[in-house]
Amino acid sequence: MDLGWILTFAAGDARQTPQISFAVEGGSGTTVPDFSIEVDDVDAVYRRAIERGLPIEYQIADEPWGVRRFYVRDPFGKLVNILAHC
């Protein structure tokens, strides 16, 4: 996948294999996250993050490239992109 601001490489079926991406921005004008993790139910993870008072850096959103995601800061200050493909 090459969107101009992010380039992702995957072997085989991209839904079931490890991927690596290189980005110059985070998409939608956001900062490049320190890492991304795909989850089965991003809305449930978002609700749990809110309930626990975790610092949400980018509110949950449906992005034009086919993911639903949000950013949160982990306890070590790393910016984490939590997402699910739509």
Protein backbone atom coordinates (compact mmCIF):
# COMPACT_ATOMS: atom_id res chain seq x y z
CA MET A 1 0.00 0.00 0.00
CA ASP A 2 1.37 3.41 -0.95
CA LEU A 3 -0.71 6.46 -0.01
CA GLY A 4 2.09 8.94 -0.58
CA TRP A 5 2.58 9.62 3.13
CA ILE A 6 2.71 5.96 4.23
CA LEU A 7 4.17 2.90 2.55
CA THR A 8 3.18 -0.52 3.92
CA PHE A 9 4.73 -3.86 3.09
CA ALA A 10 3.14 -7.25 3.87
CA ALA A 11 3.72 -10.81 2.75
CA GLY A 12 0.79 -12.83 1.47
CA ASP A 13 -2.67 -12.02 2.82
CA ALA A 14 -2.20 -8.58 4.42
CA ARG A 15 -5.01 -9.29 6.90
CA GLN A 16 -3.17 -12.17 8.54
CA THR A 17 0.55 -11.52 8.25
CA PRO A 18 2.94 -9.09 9.86
CA GLN A 19 3.21 -5.72 8.19
CA ILE A 20 5.72 -2.91 8.36
CA SER A 21 4.97 0.68 7.43
CA PHE A 22 7.10 3.76 6.90
CA ALA A 23 5.32 7.11 7.29
CA VAL A 24 6.13 10.80 7.00
CA GLU A 25 2.87 11.78 8.74
CA GLY A 26 0.17 9.98 10.68
CA GLY A 27 -2.62 10.65 8.17
CA SER A 28 -5.40 13.21 8.47
CA GLY A 29 -2.77 15.73 9.58
CA THR A 30 -1.75 13.76 12.67
CA THR A 31 1.67 13.07 14.11
CA VAL A 32 3.41 9.82 13.12
CA PRO A 33 2.66 7.37 15.95
CA ASP A 34 5.43 5.43 17.66
CA PHE A 35 3.65 2.22 16.74
CA SER A 36 0.29 0.89 15.57
CA ILE A 37 -1.71 -2.10 16.66
CA GLU A 38 -4.75 -3.59 14.95
CA VAL A 39 -7.53 -4.92 17.17
CA ASP A 40 -10.75 -6.81 16.49
CA ASP A 41 -13.07 -4.24 18.13
CA VAL A 42 -11.59 -0.74 18.14
CA ASP A 43 -14.75 0.77 19.64
CA ALA A 44 -14.54 -1.53 22.69
CA VAL A 45 -10.85 -0.69 23.17
CA TYR A 46 -11.66 3.03 22.83
CA ARG A 47 -14.40 2.76 25.49
CA ARG A 48 -12.01 0.97 27.86
CA ALA A 49 -9.34 3.61 27.29
CA ILE A 50 -11.84 6.38 28.12
CA GLU A 51 -13.08 4.50 31.22
CA ARG A 52 -9.50 4.17 32.48
CA GLY A 53 -8.79 7.86 31.89
CA LEU A 54 -6.01 7.24 29.37
CA PRO A 55 -4.89 10.35 27.46
CA ILE A 56 -6.59 10.23 24.05
CA GLU A 57 -4.46 12.22 21.60
CA TYR A 58 -6.70 11.73 18.53
CA GLN A 59 -10.37 10.91 18.92
CA ILE A 60 -11.83 7.84 17.26
CA ALA A 61 -12.45 8.42 13.56
CA ASP A 62 -13.25 6.61 10.33
CA GLU A 63 -10.40 7.42 7.95
CA PRO A 64 -10.72 7.66 4.17
CA TRP A 65 -8.18 4.85 3.63
CA GLY A 66 -10.45 2.27 5.30
CA VAL A 67 -9.54 2.17 8.98
CA ARG A 68 -11.27 3.25 12.18
CA ARG A 69 -8.71 4.41 14.73
CA PHE A 70 -7.66 6.57 17.64
CA TYR A 71 -4.38 7.60 19.27
CA VAL A 72 -3.58 7.13 22.94
CA ARG A 73 -0.44 7.76 25.03
CA ASP A 74 0.92 4.72 26.81
CA PRO A 75 2.37 4.98 30.36
CA PHE A 76 5.85 5.57 28.88
CA GLY A 77 4.69 8.51 26.74
CA LYS A 78 4.66 6.62 23.43
CA LEU A 79 1.98 7.55 20.90
CA VAL A 80 -0.04 4.45 20.00
CA ASN A 81 -2.33 4.20 16.97
CA ILE A 82 -5.07 1.65 17.74
CA LEU A 83 -7.05 0.65 14.67
CA ALA A 84 -9.34 -1.77 12.91
CA HIS A 85 -9.99 -2.07 9.20
CA CYS A 86 -13.52 -1.08 8.26
